[in-house]
Each structure stands twice: as C-alpha cells, then as structure tokens.
PDB file of N, CA and C in Angstrom:
ATOM      1  N   MET A   1      43.246 -56.002  -9.706  1.00  0.00           N
ATOM      2  CA  MET A   1      42.806 -55.744  -8.405  1.00  0.00           C
ATOM      3  C   MET A   1      42.210 -53.780  -8.328  1.00  0.00           C
ATOM      4  N   LEU A   2      41.095 -54.455  -8.110  1.00  0.00           N
ATOM      5  CA  LEU A   2      40.328 -53.240  -7.963  1.00  0.00           C
ATOM      6  C   LEU A   2      40.638 -51.841  -6.835  1.00  0.00           C
ATOM      7  N   PHE A   3      41.375 -52.146  -5.961  1.00  0.00           N
ATOM      8  CA  PHE A   3      42.048 -51.202  -4.992  1.00  0.00           C
ATOM      9  C   PHE A   3      43.291 -51.392  -4.382  1.00  0.00           C
ATOM     10  N   GLN A   4      44.371 -50.649  -4.292  1.00  0.00           N
ATOM     11  CA  GLN A   4      45.496 -50.696  -4.147  1.00  0.00           C
ATOM     12  C   GLN A   4      46.010 -49.929  -2.590  1.00  0.00           C
ATOM     13  N   ARG A   5      44.874 -49.718  -1.773  1.00  0.00           N
ATOM     14  CA  ARG A   5      45.186 -49.240  -0.587  1.00  0.00           C
ATOM     15  C   ARG A   5      44.028 -48.249  -0.107  1.00  0.00           C
ATOM     16  N   ILE A   6      43.759 -47.939   1.336  1.00  0.00           N
ATOM     17  CA  ILE A   6      42.818 -47.199   2.154  1.00  0.00           C
ATOM     18  C   ILE A   6      43.976 -46.278   1.838  1.00  0.00           C
ATOM     19  N   ASP A   7      43.022 -44.783   1.270  1.00  0.00           N
ATOM     20  CA  ASP A   7      43.162 -43.658   0.900  1.00  0.00           C
ATOM     21  C   ASP A   7      43.059 -42.549   2.143  1.00  0.00           C
ATOM     22  N   THR A   8      42.005 -42.606   2.861  1.00  0.00           N
ATOM     23  CA  THR A   8      41.611 -42.001   3.931  1.00  0.00           C
ATOM     24  C   THR A   8      41.182 -42.175   4.884  1.00  0.00           C
ATOM     25  N   VAL A   9      41.540 -41.965   6.189  1.00  0.00           N
ATOM     26  CA  VAL A   9      40.718 -42.281   7.384  1.00  0.00           C
ATOM     27  C   VAL A   9      39.829 -40.789   7.456  1.00  0.00           C
ATOM     28  N   PHE A  10      38.675 -41.009   8.168  1.00  0.00           N
ATOM     29  CA  PHE A  10      38.139 -39.823   8.669  1.00  0.00           C
ATOM     30  C   PHE A  10      37.585 -40.105  10.287  1.00  0.00           C
ATOM     31  N   VAL A  11      37.519 -38.891  10.792  1.00  0.00           N
ATOM     32  CA  VAL A  11      37.332 -38.796  12.298  1.00  0.00           C
ATOM     33  C   VAL A  11      36.721 -37.419  12.339  1.00  0.00           C
ATOM     34  N   PHE A  12      35.677 -37.724  13.012  1.00  0.00           N
ATOM     35  CA  PHE A  12      34.346 -37.003  12.910  1.00  0.00           C
ATOM     36  C   PHE A  12      34.932 -36.114  14.473  1.00  0.00           C
ATOM     37  N   VAL A  13      34.872 -34.714  14.225  1.00  0.00           N
ATOM     38  CA  VAL A  13      35.096 -33.638  15.239  1.00  0.00           C
ATOM     39  C   VAL A  13      34.100 -32.219  15.380  1.00  0.00           C
ATOM     40  N   PRO A  14      34.083 -31.965  16.569  1.00  0.00           N
ATOM     41  CA  PRO A  14      33.038 -30.654  16.381  1.00  0.00           C
ATOM     42  C   PRO A  14      33.474 -28.988  16.605  1.00  0.00           C
ATOM     43  N   ASN A  15      34.812 -29.301  16.460  1.00  0.00           N
ATOM     44  CA  ASN A  15      35.998 -28.288  16.879  1.00  0.00           C
ATOM     45  C   ASN A  15      37.496 -28.161  15.902  1.00  0.00           C
ATOM     46  N   LEU A  16      36.854 -27.962  14.649  1.00  0.00           N
ATOM     47  CA  LEU A  16      38.090 -28.054  14.036  1.00  0.00           C
ATOM     48  C   LEU A  16      39.813 -27.569  14.645  1.00  0.00           C
ATOM     49  N   SER A  17      40.078 -26.486  15.190  1.00  0.00           N
ATOM     50  CA  SER A  17      40.868 -25.676  15.868  1.00  0.00           C
ATOM     51  C   SER A  17      41.405 -26.278  17.005  1.00  0.00           C
ATOM     52  N   THR A  18      40.403 -27.062  17.561  1.00  0.00           N
ATOM     53  CA  THR A  18      40.848 -27.615  18.957  1.00  0.00           C
ATOM     54  C   THR A  18      41.327 -28.895  18.532  1.00  0.00           C
ATOM     55  N   ALA A  19      40.527 -29.605  17.280  1.00  0.00           N
ATOM     56  CA  ALA A  19      41.048 -30.931  16.962  1.00  0.00           C
ATOM     57  C   ALA A  19      42.556 -30.897  16.268  1.00  0.00           C
ATOM     58  N   LYS A  20      42.499 -29.782  15.714  1.00  0.00           N
ATOM     59  CA  LYS A  20      43.888 -29.540  14.772  1.00  0.00           C
ATOM     60  C   LYS A  20      45.250 -29.181  15.493  1.00  0.00           C
ATOM     61  N   ASN A  21      44.787 -28.652  16.910  1.00  0.00           N
ATOM     62  CA  ASN A  21      45.963 -28.400  17.958  1.00  0.00           C
ATOM     63  C   ASN A  21      46.075 -29.778  18.895  1.00  0.00           C
ATOM     64  N   TRP A  22      44.887 -30.593  19.167  1.00  0.00           N
ATOM     65  CA  TRP A  22      45.293 -31.525  19.800  1.00  0.00           C
ATOM     66  C   TRP A  22      45.982 -32.763  18.999  1.00  0.00           C
ATOM     67  N   TYR A  23      45.673 -32.939  17.776  1.00  0.00           N
ATOM     68  CA  TYR A  23      46.173 -34.170  16.654  1.00  0.00           C
ATOM     69  C   TYR A  23      47.399 -33.678  16.268  1.00  0.00           C
ATOM     70  N   THR A  24      47.877 -32.472  16.527  1.00  0.00           N
ATOM     71  CA  THR A  24      49.240 -32.425  15.753  1.00  0.00           C
ATOM     72  C   THR A  24      50.001 -32.013  16.945  1.00  0.00           C
ATOM     73  N   ASN A  25      49.923 -31.830  18.261  1.00  0.00           N
ATOM     74  CA  ASN A  25      50.596 -31.329  19.334  1.00  0.00           C
ATOM     75  C   ASN A  25      50.649 -32.598  19.878  1.00  0.00           C
ATOM     76  N   THR A  26      49.665 -33.327  20.158  1.00  0.00           N
ATOM     77  CA  THR A  26      49.716 -34.701  20.924  1.00  0.00           C
ATOM     78  C   THR A  26      49.871 -35.796  20.141  1.00  0.00           C
ATOM     79  N   LEU A  27      49.359 -35.981  19.032  1.00  0.00           N
ATOM     80  CA  LEU A  27      49.567 -37.158  18.527  1.00  0.00           C
ATOM     81  C   LEU A  27      50.980 -37.013  17.359  1.00  0.00           C
ATOM     82  N   GLU A  28      51.196 -36.007  17.406  1.00  0.00           N
ATOM     83  CA  GLU A  28      52.563 -35.349  16.666  1.00  0.00           C
ATOM     84  C   GLU A  28      52.374 -35.695  14.909  1.00  0.00           C
ATOM     85  N   LEU A  29      51.042 -35.603  14.579  1.00  0.00           N
ATOM     86  CA  LEU A  29      50.739 -35.581  13.014  1.00  0.00           C
ATOM     87  C   LEU A  29      50.887 -34.094  12.396  1.00  0.00           C
ATOM     88  N   PRO A  30      51.647 -34.222  11.624  1.00  0.00           N
ATOM     89  CA  PRO A  30      51.990 -32.573  10.688  1.00  0.00           C
ATOM     90  C   PRO A  30      50.550 -32.435   9.680  1.00  0.00           C
ATOM     91  N   VAL A  31      50.468 -31.402   9.337  1.00  0.00           N
ATOM     92  CA  VAL A  31      49.316 -31.109   8.562  1.00  0.00           C
ATOM     93  C   VAL A  31      49.591 -30.884   6.836  1.00  0.00           C
ATOM     94  N   LEU A  32      48.804 -31.899   5.881  1.00  0.00           N
ATOM     95  CA  LEU A  32      48.965 -31.778   4.684  1.00  0.00           C
ATOM     96  C   LEU A  32      48.453 -30.628   4.078  1.00  0.00           C
ATOM     97  N   PHE A  33      47.242 -30.462   4.651  1.00  0.00           N
ATOM     98  CA  PHE A  33      46.041 -29.480   3.898  1.00  0.00           C
ATOM     99  C   PHE A  33      44.918 -29.277   4.864  1.00  0.00           C
ATOM    100  N   GLU A  34      44.559 -28.162   4.433  1.00  0.00           N
ATOM    101  CA  GLU A  34      43.606 -27.648   5.296  1.00  0.00           C
ATOM    102  C   GLU A  34      42.572 -26.861   4.252  1.00  0.00           C
ATOM    103  N   ASP A  35      41.297 -27.543   4.394  1.00  0.00           N
ATOM    104  CA  ASP A  35      40.157 -26.463   3.628  1.00  0.00           C
ATOM    105  C   ASP A  35      39.130 -26.265   4.566  1.00  0.00           C
ATOM    106  N   VAL A  36      39.548 -24.950   4.952  1.00  0.00           N
ATOM    107  CA  VAL A  36      38.128 -24.548   5.807  1.00  0.00           C
ATOM    108  C   VAL A  36      36.812 -24.208   4.979  1.00  0.00           C
ATOM    109  N   THR A  37      36.690 -24.148   3.575  1.00  0.00           N
ATOM    110  CA  THR A  37      35.474 -24.044   3.272  1.00  0.00           C
ATOM    111  C   THR A  37      34.313 -25.569   3.232  1.00  0.00           C
ATOM    112  N   ASN A  38      35.146 -26.500   3.361  1.00  0.00           N
ATOM    113  CA  ASN A  38      34.740 -27.771   3.398  1.00  0.00           C
ATOM    114  C   ASN A  38      34.978 -28.446   4.651  1.00  0.00           C
ATOM    115  N   ASN A  39      35.356 -27.662   5.713  1.00  0.00           N
ATOM    116  CA  ASN A  39      35.377 -27.940   7.009  1.00  0.00           C
ATOM    117  C   ASN A  39      36.106 -29.530   7.430  1.00  0.00           C
ATOM    118  N   LEU A  40      37.593 -29.528   6.559  1.00  0.00           N
ATOM    119  CA  LEU A  40      38.314 -30.227   7.268  1.00  0.00           C
ATOM    120  C   LEU A  40      39.851 -30.008   7.010  1.00  0.00           C
ATOM    121  N   ILE A  41      40.943 -30.947   7.855  1.00  0.00           N
ATOM    122  CA  ILE A  41      41.876 -30.862   7.854  1.00  0.00           C
ATOM    123  C   ILE A  41      42.813 -32.439   7.552  1.00  0.00           C
ATOM    124  N   VAL A  42      43.556 -32.175   6.540  1.00  0.00           N
ATOM    125  CA  VAL A  42      44.339 -33.826   6.714  1.00  0.00           C
ATOM    126  C   VAL A  42      45.739 -33.511   7.069  1.00  0.00           C
ATOM    127  N   LEU A  43      45.833 -35.019   7.503  1.00  0.00           N
ATOM    128  CA  LEU A  43      46.986 -34.716   8.907  1.00  0.00           C
ATOM    129  C   LEU A  43      47.734 -35.801   7.795  1.00  0.00           C
ATOM    130  N   LYS A  44      49.179 -35.732   7.778  1.00  0.00           N
ATOM    131  CA  LYS A  44      49.975 -36.973   7.374  1.00  0.00           C
ATOM    132  C   LYS A  44      50.239 -38.137   8.392  1.00  0.00           C
ATOM    133  N   LEU A  45      49.743 -39.473   7.927  1.00  0.00           N
ATOM    134  CA  LEU A  45      50.095 -40.621   8.666  1.00  0.00           C
ATOM    135  C   LEU A  45      50.413 -41.778   7.897  1.00  0.00           C
ATOM    136  N   GLY A  46      51.637 -41.874   7.923  1.00  0.00           N
ATOM    137  CA  GLY A  46      51.909 -42.438   7.155  1.00  0.00           C
ATOM    138  C   GLY A  46      51.703 -42.749   5.686  1.00  0.00           C
ATOM    139  N   GLU A  47      51.292 -43.564   5.101  1.00  0.00           N
ATOM    140  CA  GLU A  47      50.553 -43.952   3.374  1.00  0.00           C
ATOM    141  C   GLU A  47      49.094 -43.321   3.705  1.00  0.00           C
ATOM    142  N   THR A  48      48.435 -43.708   4.744  1.00  0.00           N
ATOM    143  CA  THR A  48      47.111 -43.260   4.790  1.00  0.00           C
ATOM    144  C   THR A  48      47.206 -41.896   5.565  1.00  0.00           C
ATOM    145  N   PRO A  49      46.760 -40.731   4.693  1.00  0.00           N
ATOM    146  CA  PRO A  49      46.087 -39.658   5.693  1.00  0.00           C
ATOM    147  C   PRO A  49      45.069 -39.913   6.597  1.00  0.00           C
ATOM    148  N   LEU A  50      45.160 -39.013   7.545  1.00  0.00           N
ATOM    149  CA  LEU A  50      43.843 -39.154   8.451  1.00  0.00           C
ATOM    150  C   LEU A  50      43.403 -37.624   8.283  1.00  0.00           C
ATOM    151  N   THR A  51      41.887 -37.826   7.879  1.00  0.00           N
ATOM    152  CA  THR A  51      41.287 -36.343   7.979  1.00  0.00           C
ATOM    153  C   THR A  51      40.311 -36.038   8.804  1.00  0.00           C
ATOM    154  N   LEU A  52      40.411 -35.150   9.384  1.00  0.00           N
ATOM    155  CA  LEU A  52      39.465 -34.499  10.434  1.00  0.00           C
ATOM    156  C   LEU A  52      38.344 -33.496  10.045  1.00  0.00           C
ATOM    157  N   LEU A  53      37.078 -34.281  10.193  1.00  0.00           N
ATOM    158  CA  LEU A  53      36.188 -33.245   9.513  1.00  0.00           C
ATOM    159  C   LEU A  53      35.285 -32.843  10.690  1.00  0.00           C
ATOM    160  N   LYS A  54      35.002 -31.911  10.521  1.00  0.00           N
ATOM    161  CA  LYS A  54      34.257 -30.880  11.157  1.00  0.00           C
ATOM    162  C   LYS A  54      32.544 -31.689  11.044  1.00  0.00           C
ATOM    163  N   ALA A  55      32.144 -32.120  12.266  1.00  0.00           N
ATOM    164  CA  ALA A  55      30.597 -32.908  12.184  1.00  0.00           C
ATOM    165  C   ALA A  55      29.696 -32.619  13.452  1.00  0.00           C
ATOM    166  N   ASP A  56      28.669 -32.542  13.301  1.00  0.00           N
ATOM    167  CA  ASP A  56      27.871 -32.231  14.839  1.00  0.00           C
ATOM    168  C   ASP A  56      28.005 -33.388  15.568  1.00  0.00           C
ATOM    169  N   THR A  57      28.358 -34.494  15.368  1.00  0.00           N
ATOM    170  CA  THR A  57      28.315 -35.695  15.873  1.00  0.00           C
ATOM    171  C   THR A  57      30.052 -36.257  15.948  1.00  0.00           C
ATOM    172  N   THR A  58      30.195 -37.119  16.865  1.00  0.00           N
ATOM    173  CA  THR A  58      31.478 -37.485  17.269  1.00  0.00           C
ATOM    174  C   THR A  58      31.619 -39.372  17.181  1.00  0.00           C
ATOM    175  N   TYR A  59      32.267 -39.903  17.148  1.00  0.00           N
ATOM    176  CA  TYR A  59      32.070 -41.360  16.878  1.00  0.00           C
ATOM    177  C   TYR A  59      31.489 -42.080  18.487  1.00  0.00           C
ATOM    178  N   GLU A  60      31.778 -41.366  19.283  1.00  0.00           N
ATOM    179  CA  GLU A  60      31.700 -42.071  20.453  1.00  0.00           C
ATOM    180  C   GLU A  60      30.343 -41.905  21.102  1.00  0.00           C
ATOM    181  N   SER A  61      29.254 -40.514  20.279  1.00  0.00           N
ATOM    182  CA  SER A  61      27.718 -40.619  20.332  1.00  0.00           C
ATOM    183  C   SER A  61      27.195 -41.348  18.978  1.00  0.00           C
ATOM    184  N   ASN A  62      28.101 -42.205  17.982  1.00  0.00           N
ATOM    185  CA  ASN A  62      27.040 -42.691  16.945  1.00  0.00           C
ATOM    186  C   ASN A  62      27.918 -44.108  17.015  1.00  0.00           C
ATOM    187  N   ARG A  63      29.013 -44.477  16.175  1.00  0.00           N
ATOM    188  CA  ARG A  63      29.750 -45.986  16.362  1.00  0.00           C
ATOM    189  C   ARG A  63      31.587 -44.985  16.579  1.00  0.00           C
ATOM    190  N   PRO A  64      32.340 -46.183  16.917  1.00  0.00           N
ATOM    191  CA  PRO A  64      33.569 -45.687  17.235  1.00  0.00           C
ATOM    192  C   PRO A  64      34.328 -46.058  15.629  1.00  0.00           C
ATOM    193  N   PRO A  65      35.339 -45.302  15.290  1.00  0.00           N
ATOM    194  CA  PRO A  65      35.907 -45.834  13.971  1.00  0.00           C
ATOM    195  C   PRO A  65      36.496 -47.058  14.144  1.00  0.00           C
ATOM    196  N   HIS A  66      36.654 -48.145  13.082  1.00  0.00           N
ATOM    197  CA  HIS A  66      37.068 -49.266  12.966  1.00  0.00           C
ATOM    198  C   HIS A  66      38.401 -48.949  12.341  1.00  0.00           C
ATOM    199  N   PHE A  67      39.538 -48.561  12.975  1.00  0.00           N
ATOM    200  CA  PHE A  67      40.716 -48.621  12.547  1.00  0.00           C
ATOM    201  C   PHE A  67      41.798 -48.677  13.796  1.00  0.00           C
ATOM    202  N   ASN A  68      42.923 -48.767  13.537  1.00  0.00           N
ATOM    203  CA  ASN A  68      43.610 -49.105  14.298  1.00  0.00           C
ATOM    204  C   ASN A  68      45.299 -48.079  13.835  1.00  0.00           C
ATOM    205  N   PHE A  69      45.798 -47.562  14.814  1.00  0.00           N
ATOM    206  CA  PHE A  69      47.091 -46.708  14.758  1.00  0.00           C
ATOM    207  C   PHE A  69      48.023 -48.037  15.039  1.00  0.00           C
ATOM    208  N   PHE A  70      48.948 -48.130  14.012  1.00  0.00           N
ATOM    209  CA  PHE A  70      50.083 -48.771  14.506  1.00  0.00           C
ATOM    210  C   PHE A  70      51.466 -48.502  15.119  1.00  0.00           C
ATOM    211  N   SER A  71      51.872 -49.225  16.030  1.00  0.00           N
ATOM    212  CA  SER A  71      53.151 -48.653  16.683  1.00  0.00           C
ATOM    213  C   SER A  71      54.069 -49.588  16.895  1.00  0.00           C
ATOM    214  N   GLU A  72      55.308 -49.506  16.629  1.00  0.00           N
ATOM    215  CA  GLU A  72      56.706 -50.916  16.530  1.00  0.00           C
ATOM    216  C   GLU A  72      56.389 -50.927  18.113  1.00  0.00           C
ATOM    217  N   ASN A  73      56.170 -50.156  18.863  1.00  0.00           N
ATOM    218  CA  ASN A  73      56.346 -50.391  20.547  1.00  0.00           C
ATOM    219  C   ASN A  73      55.419 -49.367  21.195  1.00  0.00           C
ATOM    220  N   ILE A  74      54.530 -50.067  21.414  1.00  0.00           N
ATOM    221  CA  ILE A  74      53.134 -49.850  22.200  1.00  0.00           C
ATOM    222  C   ILE A  74      53.623 -49.338  23.582  1.00  0.00           C
ATOM    223  N   GLU A  75      54.466 -49.720  24.278  1.00  0.00           N
ATOM    224  CA  GLU A  75      54.442 -49.655  25.867  1.00  0.00           C
ATOM    225  C   GLU A  75      54.999 -48.001  25.525  1.00  0.00           C
ATOM    226  N   THR A  76      55.958 -47.322  24.817  1.00  0.00           N
ATOM    227  CA  THR A  76      56.579 -46.250  24.422  1.00  0.00           C
ATOM    228  C   THR A  76      55.252 -45.245  24.322  1.00  0.00           C
ATOM    229  N   THR A  77      54.603 -45.542  23.291  1.00  0.00           N
ATOM    230  CA  THR A  77      53.345 -45.066  22.801  1.00  0.00           C
ATOM    231  C   THR A  77      52.591 -45.067  23.694  1.00  0.00           C
ATOM    232  N   HIS A  78      52.000 -45.796  24.641  1.00  0.00           N
ATOM    233  CA  HIS A  78      51.223 -46.027  25.842  1.00  0.00           C
ATOM    234  C   HIS A  78      51.592 -44.484  26.782  1.00  0.00           C
ATOM    235  N   SER A  79      53.270 -44.761  27.166  1.00  0.00           N
ATOM    236  CA  SER A  79      53.316 -44.109  27.819  1.00  0.00           C
ATOM    237  C   SER A  79      53.366 -42.566  27.718  1.00  0.00           C
ATOM    238  N   HIS A  80      54.187 -42.282  26.333  1.00  0.00           N
ATOM    239  CA  HIS A  80      53.896 -41.150  25.583  1.00  0.00           C
ATOM    240  C   HIS A  80      52.731 -40.219  25.596  1.00  0.00           C
ATOM    241  N   LEU A  81      51.357 -40.924  25.274  1.00  0.00           N
ATOM    242  CA  LEU A  81      50.024 -40.547  25.230  1.00  0.00           C
ATOM    243  C   LEU A  81      49.754 -40.014  27.087  1.00  0.00           C
ATOM    244  N   ARG A  82      49.991 -41.168  27.685  1.00  0.00           N
ATOM    245  CA  ARG A  82      49.587 -41.235  29.000  1.00  0.00           C
ATOM    246  C   ARG A  82      50.088 -39.480  29.946  1.00  0.00           C
ATOM    247  N   HIS A  83      51.567 -39.386  29.326  1.00  0.00           N
ATOM    248  CA  HIS A  83      52.380 -38.152  29.749  1.00  0.00           C
ATOM    249  C   HIS A  83      51.620 -36.947  29.220  1.00  0.00           C
ATOM    250  N   LYS A  84      51.069 -37.000  27.977  1.00  0.00           N
ATOM    251  CA  LYS A  84      50.397 -35.824  27.562  1.00  0.00           C
ATOM    252  C   LYS A  84      49.043 -35.330  28.003  1.00  0.00           C
ATOM    253  N   GLY A  85      48.698 -36.119  29.035  1.00  0.00           N
ATOM    254  CA  GLY A  85      47.301 -36.422  29.329  1.00  0.00           C
ATOM    255  C   GLY A  85      46.053 -36.836  29.015  1.00  0.00           C
ATOM    256  N   VAL A  86      46.429 -37.766  27.860  1.00  0.00           N
ATOM    257  CA  VAL A  86      45.484 -38.513  27.046  1.00  0.00           C
ATOM    258  C   VAL A  86      44.887 -39.425  28.053  1.00  0.00           C
ATOM    259  N   LYS A  87      43.654 -39.608  28.153  1.00  0.00           N
ATOM    260  CA  LYS A  87      43.004 -40.748  28.226  1.00  0.00           C
ATOM    261  C   LYS A  87      43.315 -41.924  27.923  1.00  0.00           C
ATOM    262  N   VAL A  88      44.019 -43.067  28.589  1.00  0.00           N
ATOM    263  CA  VAL A  88      44.359 -43.841  27.729  1.00  0.00           C
ATOM    264  C   VAL A  88      43.839 -45.410  28.735  1.00  0.00           C
ATOM    265  N   GLU A  89      43.533 -46.665  28.130  1.00  0.00           N
ATOM    266  CA  GLU A  89      43.208 -47.372  28.595  1.00  0.00           C
ATOM    267  C   GLU A  89      44.270 -48.486  28.972  1.00  0.00           C
ATOM    268  N   PRO A  90      44.199 -49.412  29.522  1.00  0.00           N
ATOM    269  CA  PRO A  90      45.449 -50.255  29.617  1.00  0.00           C
ATOM    270  C   PRO A  90      45.750 -51.095  28.379  1.00  0.00           C
ATOM    271  N   ILE A  91      47.313 -51.647  28.139  1.00  0.00           N
ATOM    272  CA  ILE A  91      47.282 -52.559  27.154  1.00  0.00           C
ATOM    273  C   ILE A  91      47.039 -54.119  27.407  1.00  0.00           C
ATOM    274  N   GLU A  92      46.307 -54.638  26.551  1.00  0.00           N
ATOM    275  CA  GLU A  92      46.084 -56.068  26.428  1.00  0.00           C
ATOM    276  C   GLU A  92      46.768 -56.330  25.501  1.00  0.00           C
ATOM    277  N   THR A  93      47.079 -57.859  25.872  1.00  0.00           N
ATOM    278  CA  THR A  93      47.982 -58.886  24.603  1.00  0.00           C
ATOM    279  C   THR A  93      47.089 -59.718  24.334  1.00  0.00           C
ATOM    280  N   TYR A  94      46.801 -60.206  23.047  1.00  0.00           N
ATOM    281  CA  TYR A  94      46.166 -61.428  22.739  1.00  0.00           C
ATOM    282  C   TYR A  94      47.006 -62.078  21.943  1.00  0.00           C
ATOM    283  N   ASP A  95      47.364 -63.615  22.127  1.00  0.00           N
ATOM    284  CA  ASP A  95      48.303 -64.006  21.247  1.00  0.00           C
ATOM    285  C   ASP A  95      49.740 -63.096  21.630  1.00  0.00           C
ATOM    286  N   ARG A  96      50.044 -62.934  20.028  1.00  0.00           N
ATOM    287  CA  ARG A  96      51.057 -61.741  19.699  1.00  0.00           C
ATOM    288  C   ARG A  96      50.593 -60.575  19.377  1.00  0.00           C
ATOM    289  N   MET A  97      49.582 -60.060  19.553  1.00  0.00           N
ATOM    290  CA  MET A  97      49.163 -58.923  19.533  1.00  0.00           C
ATOM    291  C   MET A  97      48.945 -58.147  20.964  1.00  0.00           C
ATOM    292  N   SER A  98      49.204 -56.929  20.787  1.00  0.00           N
ATOM    293  CA  SER A  98      48.839 -55.855  21.958  1.00  0.00           C
ATOM    294  C   SER A  98      48.236 -54.856  21.437  1.00  0.00           C
ATOM    295  N   SER A  99      46.805 -54.056  21.876  1.00  0.00           N
ATOM    296  CA  SER A  99      46.759 -53.385  21.802  1.00  0.00           C
ATOM    297  C   SER A  99      45.971 -52.153  23.169  1.00  0.00           C
ATOM    298  N   PHE A 100      45.600 -51.089  22.727  1.00  0.00           N
ATOM    299  CA  PHE A 100      45.191 -50.504  23.770  1.00  0.00           C
ATOM    300  C   PHE A 100      44.383 -49.504  23.204  1.00  0.00           C
ATOM    301  N   VAL A 101      43.263 -48.902  23.826  1.00  0.00           N
ATOM    302  CA  VAL A 101      42.339 -47.733  23.528  1.00  0.00           C
ATOM    303  C   VAL A 101      42.489 -46.337  24.315  1.00  0.00           C
ATOM    304  N   PHE A 102      42.211 -45.198  23.486  1.00  0.00           N
ATOM    305  CA  PHE A 102      42.606 -43.724  23.901  1.00  0.00           C
ATOM    306  C   PHE A 102      41.783 -43.188  23.604  1.00  0.00           C
ATOM    307  N   TYR A 103      41.541 -41.822  23.932  1.00  0.00           N
ATOM    308  CA  TYR A 103      40.500 -40.731  23.591  1.00  0.00           C
ATOM    309  C   TYR A 103      41.252 -39.492  22.934  1.00  0.00           C
ATOM    310  N   ASP A 104      40.371 -38.857  22.217  1.00  0.00           N
ATOM    311  CA  ASP A 104      40.692 -37.313  21.588  1.00  0.00           C
ATOM    312  C   ASP A 104      40.041 -36.819  22.820  1.00  0.00           C
ATOM    313  N   PRO A 105      40.488 -35.012  22.555  1.00  0.00           N
ATOM    314  CA  PRO A 105      39.607 -34.606  23.375  1.00  0.00           C
ATOM    315  C   PRO A 105      37.774 -34.468  23.362  1.00  0.00           C
ATOM    316  N   PHE A 106      37.285 -34.597  22.468  1.00  0.00           N
ATOM    317  CA  PHE A 106      35.757 -34.848  22.551  1.00  0.00           C
ATOM    318  C   PHE A 106      34.888 -36.423  22.360  1.00  0.00           C
ATOM    319  N   GLY A 107      36.012 -37.159  23.143  1.00  0.00           N
ATOM    320  CA  GLY A 107      35.555 -38.785  23.143  1.00  0.00           C
ATOM    321  C   GLY A 107      35.749 -39.754  22.169  1.00  0.00           C
ATOM    322  N   ASN A 108      36.338 -39.070  21.270  1.00  0.00           N
ATOM    323  CA  ASN A 108      36.088 -40.330  20.339  1.00  0.00           C
ATOM    324  C   ASN A 108      37.186 -41.318  20.430  1.00  0.00           C
ATOM    325  N   LYS A 109      36.861 -42.296  20.281  1.00  0.00           N
ATOM    326  CA  LYS A 109      37.412 -44.012  20.757  1.00  0.00           C
ATOM    327  C   LYS A 109      38.070 -44.224  19.812  1.00  0.00           C
ATOM    328  N   LEU A 110      39.706 -44.276  19.628  1.00  0.00           N
ATOM    329  CA  LEU A 110      40.839 -44.788  18.610  1.00  0.00           C
ATOM    330  C   LEU A 110      41.398 -45.911  19.502  1.00  0.00           C
ATOM    331  N   GLU A 111      42.645 -46.324  18.820  1.00  0.00           N
ATOM    332  CA  GLU A 111      42.998 -47.403  19.190  1.00  0.00           C
ATOM    333  C   GLU A 111      44.217 -47.600  18.589  1.00  0.00           C
ATOM    334  N   VAL A 112      45.154 -48.442  19.636  1.00  0.00           N
ATOM    335  CA  VAL A 112      46.597 -48.518  18.694  1.00  0.00           C
ATOM    336  C   VAL A 112      46.851 -50.152  19.162  1.00  0.00           C
ATOM    337  N   CYS A 113      47.408 -50.797  18.126  1.00  0.00           N
ATOM    338  CA  CYS A 113      47.930 -51.934  17.793  1.00  0.00           C
ATOM    339  C   CYS A 113      49.739 -52.191  17.663  1.00  0.00           C
ATOM    340  N   SER A 114      49.950 -53.444  17.826  1.00  0.00           N
ATOM    341  CA  SER A 114      51.233 -53.579  17.932  1.00  0.00           C
ATOM    342  C   SER A 114      51.174 -54.947  17.758  1.00  0.00           C
ATOM    343  N   PHE A 115      52.072 -55.619  17.128  1.00  0.00           N
ATOM    344  CA  PHE A 115      52.513 -57.311  16.664  1.00  0.00           C
ATOM    345  C   PHE A 115      53.839 -57.287  16.044  1.00  0.00           C
TER     346      PHE A 115
END
C-alpha cells in the first residue's frame, strides 16, 4: 500500500489571527503548531491535522475544499455552531447519511457529515 492516510487538510484564509481565533474558539480545535514565517497554523483534528494557510484567496472565491468534518451527533453539532453565530445551512439527509454546510468568517464553505 503506497498511502496509509490523509496527512493534512489545508484551508486558505486571508488573515491568520482571525482564523486562529475562530477555528480554536468556535470549532474548539487546539493548536498543534504555528509557523509565522511560512504563514500557517496547524490545528489538531483527530488523526488528520487541519492547516490554516494564509493566502490571498479563499475557497469561496475559487473552489470549495472537498472534505467533510465527521460528527457522531450532527444535530448537536449544527445547534452548537448556530448558537456560536456561525452561518449554517439546514441539515439534509440522504438514505443513512446526513450533512450540512457551514461557513467560516471568510466565506469558506465547509461541510459536516454523519452516518
């Protein structure tokens, strides 16, 4: 087997300080590593780190990232984000899987799934 897992997922953000505050406080992801020289912050998210990378563009103005956050209780996650003031779309259910879209402060379109 050539690959064992996805190592890192990147999210482009125009402001690292704002992104760090939002992702650590709103999504409650702890910081693993900061590299100011290379304009990135690595957050702990299970086995696959989420890396915030300073860039002039976000996914919304280009293409959205193609990954899902997984939640064992999608209704609780949806409610938690909504109460934190996050823009969330309704939960949709397809057969035995449910998902919803939400947005970070820069308009990055992110998604949660549960099955």
